[in-house]
N, C-alpha and C. Protein backbone atom coordinates (compact mmCIF):
# COMPACT_ATOMS: atom_id res chain seq x y z
N MET A 1 0.55 -1.57 -0.47
CA MET A 1 -0.13 0.13 0.00
C MET A 1 0.77 0.96 0.11
N THR A 2 1.28 2.38 -0.89
CA THR A 2 1.38 3.23 -1.01
C THR A 2 0.57 4.51 0.17
N ARG A 3 1.54 5.75 0.64
CA ARG A 3 0.94 6.58 0.77
C ARG A 3 -0.34 7.13 0.60
N SER A 4 -0.40 7.22 -1.48
CA SER A 4 -1.87 7.15 -1.99
C SER A 4 -2.96 6.72 -1.35
N GLU A 5 -2.41 5.39 -1.56
CA GLU A 5 -3.82 4.12 -1.02
C GLU A 5 -4.56 5.19 0.23
N LEU A 6 -2.89 4.93 0.85
CA LEU A 6 -3.59 4.78 2.55
C LEU A 6 -5.04 6.34 2.53
N ILE A 7 -5.00 6.37 2.14
CA ILE A 7 -5.16 7.91 1.87
C ILE A 7 -6.22 8.16 2.19
N GLU A 8 -6.26 7.54 0.76
CA GLU A 8 -6.97 7.11 -0.32
C GLU A 8 -8.61 6.28 0.73
N ASN A 9 -7.43 5.07 1.14
CA ASN A 9 -8.59 4.31 2.58
C ASN A 9 -9.26 5.15 2.81
N ILE A 10 -8.86 5.57 4.44
CA ILE A 10 -9.33 6.51 4.73
C ILE A 10 -9.97 7.04 4.86
N ALA A 11 -10.16 8.24 3.53
CA ALA A 11 -11.13 8.88 3.38
C ALA A 11 -11.96 7.70 2.44
N LYS A 12 -11.87 7.29 2.20
CA LYS A 12 -13.50 5.93 2.00
C LYS A 12 -14.36 5.52 2.85
N LYS A 13 -13.99 5.63 4.67
CA LYS A 13 -14.28 4.85 5.99
C LYS A 13 -14.72 5.90 6.37
N ASN A 14 -13.88 7.81 6.30
CA ASN A 14 -13.96 8.65 6.61
C ASN A 14 -14.70 9.48 6.09
N PRO A 15 -16.12 9.68 5.52
CA PRO A 15 -16.74 10.80 4.43
C PRO A 15 -16.63 12.20 4.83
N ASN A 16 -16.61 12.13 5.64
CA ASN A 16 -16.39 13.13 6.51
C ASN A 16 -15.55 14.42 7.09
N LEU A 17 -14.16 13.60 6.73
CA LEU A 17 -13.71 14.51 6.77
C LEU A 17 -12.52 14.57 5.22
N LEU A 18 -12.38 15.53 5.36
CA LEU A 18 -11.80 16.81 4.37
C LEU A 18 -9.99 15.97 3.76
N LEU A 19 -10.16 15.75 2.23
CA LEU A 19 -8.68 14.92 1.63
C LEU A 19 -7.36 15.52 2.08
N SER A 20 -7.27 16.42 2.74
CA SER A 20 -6.14 17.39 2.64
C SER A 20 -6.43 17.33 4.49
N GLU A 21 -7.04 17.00 5.10
CA GLU A 21 -7.39 16.95 6.43
C GLU A 21 -6.41 15.23 6.21
N ILE A 22 -7.01 14.91 5.86
CA ILE A 22 -6.70 13.04 6.00
C ILE A 22 -5.07 12.94 5.74
N GLU A 23 -4.38 14.24 4.85
CA GLU A 23 -3.74 13.96 3.80
C GLU A 23 -2.34 14.92 5.87
N ARG A 24 -2.81 15.76 6.23
CA ARG A 24 -2.24 16.57 7.20
C ARG A 24 -2.08 15.02 8.26
N ILE A 25 -3.08 14.10 8.48
CA ILE A 25 -2.60 13.49 9.21
C ILE A 25 -2.01 12.56 9.56
N VAL A 26 -1.79 11.98 8.14
CA VAL A 26 -0.78 11.11 8.32
C VAL A 26 0.10 11.55 7.65
N SER A 27 0.65 13.11 7.64
CA SER A 27 1.99 13.37 7.21
C SER A 27 2.59 13.65 9.20
N VAL A 28 1.50 14.05 9.23
CA VAL A 28 1.87 14.23 10.79
C VAL A 28 2.15 13.08 12.19
N ILE A 29 1.75 12.78 11.43
CA ILE A 29 1.71 10.96 12.59
C ILE A 29 3.70 10.12 10.84
N PHE A 30 3.53 10.03 10.37
CA PHE A 30 5.00 9.72 9.26
C PHE A 30 5.77 10.57 10.18
N SER A 31 5.86 11.80 10.73
CA SER A 31 6.88 12.15 10.26
C SER A 31 7.03 12.27 12.04
N SER A 32 6.56 12.25 12.96
CA SER A 32 6.51 12.18 14.64
C SER A 32 7.47 9.97 14.95
N ILE A 33 6.88 10.13 13.27
CA ILE A 33 7.31 8.04 13.82
C ILE A 33 8.81 8.70 12.83
N THR A 34 8.88 9.39 12.02
CA THR A 34 10.55 9.30 12.29
C THR A 34 11.16 10.36 12.78
N ALA A 35 10.77 11.40 13.65
CA ALA A 35 10.80 12.67 14.71
C ALA A 35 11.64 11.43 15.90
N ALA A 36 10.72 10.18 16.65
CA ALA A 36 10.85 9.70 16.99
C ALA A 36 12.78 8.19 16.82
N LEU A 37 12.24 7.82 15.51
CA LEU A 37 13.32 7.42 15.16
C LEU A 37 14.35 7.94 15.23
N VAL A 38 14.57 9.14 14.63
CA VAL A 38 15.78 9.72 14.53
C VAL A 38 16.42 9.54 15.85
N LYS A 39 15.74 10.45 16.81
CA LYS A 39 16.30 10.51 18.38
C LYS A 39 17.23 9.16 19.22
N GLY A 40 16.16 8.19 18.27
CA GLY A 40 16.72 6.64 19.25
C GLY A 40 15.31 5.62 19.18
N ASP A 41 14.32 6.10 19.70
CA ASP A 41 13.33 6.43 20.66
C ASP A 41 12.97 4.75 19.85
N ARG A 42 11.88 4.01 20.62
CA ARG A 42 11.26 2.85 19.61
C ARG A 42 10.01 3.42 19.87
N VAL A 43 9.05 2.93 18.98
CA VAL A 43 8.01 3.78 18.15
C VAL A 43 7.34 2.15 17.74
N GLU A 44 6.11 2.18 18.87
CA GLU A 44 5.39 0.54 19.28
C GLU A 44 3.55 1.02 18.94
N PHE A 45 3.22 0.58 17.97
CA PHE A 45 2.18 -0.21 18.14
C PHE A 45 1.94 -0.83 18.34
N ARG A 46 0.39 -1.24 19.86
CA ARG A 46 -0.19 -2.59 20.12
C ARG A 46 -0.87 -2.75 19.26
N GLY A 47 -0.72 -4.48 19.08
CA GLY A 47 -1.52 -5.57 18.13
C GLY A 47 0.29 -5.98 16.56
N PHE A 48 -0.02 -4.31 15.83
CA PHE A 48 0.79 -3.88 14.70
C PHE A 48 2.45 -4.55 15.56
N GLY A 49 3.11 -3.57 16.25
CA GLY A 49 4.59 -3.90 16.51
C GLY A 49 5.17 -2.32 16.68
N VAL A 50 6.43 -3.06 16.64
CA VAL A 50 7.54 -2.40 16.69
C VAL A 50 8.11 -1.14 15.55
N PHE A 51 8.97 -0.53 15.79
CA PHE A 51 9.64 0.56 15.30
C PHE A 51 10.86 -0.10 15.24
N SER A 52 12.14 0.18 15.42
CA SER A 52 13.06 0.85 16.22
C SER A 52 14.45 0.77 15.76
N ILE A 53 15.48 0.92 15.83
CA ILE A 53 17.02 1.08 15.54
C ILE A 53 17.87 0.54 15.95
N HIS A 54 17.95 -0.40 14.71
CA HIS A 54 19.66 -1.24 15.32
C HIS A 54 20.72 -0.73 14.79
N LYS A 55 21.51 -0.82 14.47
CA LYS A 55 22.59 0.00 14.31
C LYS A 55 24.00 -1.57 13.82
N ARG A 56 24.59 -1.29 12.35
CA ARG A 56 24.65 -2.00 11.22
C ARG A 56 26.19 -1.72 11.32
N GLU A 57 27.22 -2.54 12.15
CA GLU A 57 28.65 -2.14 12.03
C GLU A 57 29.52 -1.89 10.73
N PRO A 58 30.64 -1.58 10.94
CA PRO A 58 30.74 -1.10 9.09
C PRO A 58 31.66 -2.69 9.01
N ARG A 59 31.90 -2.80 7.68
CA ARG A 59 32.58 -4.10 7.25
C ARG A 59 32.87 -3.56 5.18
N ILE A 60 33.09 -4.69 4.81
CA ILE A 60 33.65 -4.28 3.66
C ILE A 60 32.92 -5.52 2.77
N ALA A 61 32.81 -4.81 1.67
CA ALA A 61 31.69 -5.55 0.57
C ALA A 61 32.30 -5.92 -0.69
N GLN A 62 31.38 -6.01 -1.50
CA GLN A 62 32.80 -6.59 -3.09
C GLN A 62 31.42 -6.17 -3.82
N ASN A 63 32.01 -5.21 -4.86
CA ASN A 63 31.34 -4.16 -5.94
C ASN A 63 31.07 -5.06 -6.47
N PRO A 64 29.42 -6.14 -6.92
CA PRO A 64 29.19 -6.64 -8.02
C PRO A 64 29.87 -6.98 -9.26
N ARG A 65 30.36 -5.63 -9.90
CA ARG A 65 30.26 -5.34 -10.98
C ARG A 65 31.97 -5.64 -11.16
N THR A 66 32.28 -4.89 -10.84
CA THR A 66 33.62 -4.78 -10.89
C THR A 66 34.50 -5.76 -9.63
N GLY A 67 34.07 -5.96 -9.01
CA GLY A 67 34.27 -7.00 -7.78
C GLY A 67 35.42 -6.82 -6.41
N ALA A 68 35.75 -4.90 -7.29
CA ALA A 68 36.96 -3.98 -6.20
C ALA A 68 35.77 -4.13 -4.00
N LYS A 69 36.78 -4.69 -3.67
CA LYS A 69 36.57 -4.27 -1.89
C LYS A 69 36.23 -2.52 -1.95
N VAL A 70 35.33 -2.64 -1.12
CA VAL A 70 35.14 -1.10 -0.98
C VAL A 70 33.50 -1.42 0.88
N LYS A 71 34.68 -0.73 1.23
CA LYS A 71 34.03 -0.31 3.39
C LYS A 71 33.72 0.09 3.02
N ILE A 72 32.28 -0.07 3.46
CA ILE A 72 31.29 0.60 3.84
C ILE A 72 30.99 0.79 6.00
N GLY A 73 30.88 1.89 6.42
CA GLY A 73 31.15 2.40 7.60
C GLY A 73 29.84 2.50 8.10
N ASP A 74 29.45 1.82 9.47
CA ASP A 74 28.38 1.64 10.13
C ASP A 74 27.36 2.85 10.05
N ARG A 75 26.19 2.05 9.46
CA ARG A 75 25.21 2.76 9.96
C ARG A 75 23.96 2.42 10.50
N ASN A 76 22.66 3.17 11.25
CA ASN A 76 21.28 2.87 11.02
C ASN A 76 20.47 2.51 10.50
N ILE A 77 19.72 1.33 10.81
CA ILE A 77 18.69 0.18 10.62
C ILE A 77 16.81 1.16 10.97
N VAL A 78 16.04 0.63 10.23
CA VAL A 78 14.90 1.23 10.58
C VAL A 78 14.87 -0.92 10.53
N HIS A 79 14.05 -0.99 12.39
CA HIS A 79 14.33 -2.68 11.53
C HIS A 79 12.62 -2.25 13.03
N PHE A 80 11.59 -4.08 12.12
CA PHE A 80 10.30 -3.78 12.22
C PHE A 80 10.32 -4.96 13.30
N LYS A 81 9.79 -5.58 14.16
CA LYS A 81 8.95 -6.81 15.09
C LYS A 81 7.95 -6.68 14.52
N VAL A 82 7.56 -7.61 14.41
CA VAL A 82 5.50 -7.83 14.15
C VAL A 82 4.72 -7.63 15.60
N GLY A 83 3.68 -6.89 15.73
CA GLY A 83 3.23 -8.07 17.01
C GLY A 83 1.46 -8.76 16.59
N LYS A 84 2.54 -9.11 18.48
CA LYS A 84 1.41 -10.42 18.08
C LYS A 84 0.06 -11.28 17.35
N GLU A 85 -1.40 -9.66 18.03
CA GLU A 85 -1.98 -9.80 16.71
C GLU A 85 -2.05 -10.03 15.14
N LEU A 86 -1.04 -8.92 15.45
CA LEU A 86 -0.68 -9.51 13.41
C LEU A 86 -0.16 -10.69 12.97
N HIS A 87 0.77 -10.48 13.32
CA HIS A 87 1.05 -11.63 13.83
C HIS A 87 -0.45 -13.44 13.71
N ASP A 88 -0.72 -12.76 14.47
CA ASP A 88 -1.92 -14.41 14.25
C ASP A 88 -2.86 -13.69 13.12
N LYS A 89 -3.08 -12.48 12.90
CA LYS A 89 -4.03 -12.82 11.16
C LYS A 89 -2.99 -13.21 10.13
N LEU A 90 -2.07 -12.94 10.56
CA LEU A 90 -1.34 -13.17 8.98
C LEU A 90 -1.08 -14.54 8.88
N ASN A 91 -1.04 -15.69 9.85
CA ASN A 91 -0.79 -16.81 9.90
C ASN A 91 -2.72 -17.70 10.50
N GLU A 92 -3.26 -17.13 10.00
CA GLU A 92 -4.75 -18.03 10.04
C GLU A 92 -4.54 -19.32 9.68
N ASN A 93 -5.24 -20.13 9.43
CA ASN A 93 -5.65 -20.95 8.40
C ASN A 93 -7.13 -21.26 7.90
């Protein structure tokens, strides 16, 4: 689902809200999540999952085209751990 599809789905379920209001709400939510992750905080949605930052150590990689060794510095990556309710819904038989 893309951001615009999310906005469309919310608009269909909430016809009393203006499209511009929904776009603003989605934007505020995403920027709040981003700001929390930049600060190093976890973002938890009960039943859905948890976003957190994991540190990836520096390493030596290989350019697949040339075969040359490339140094990659340490970096932070976003990690998502699925919540129990979502996990159960995804794995229903």
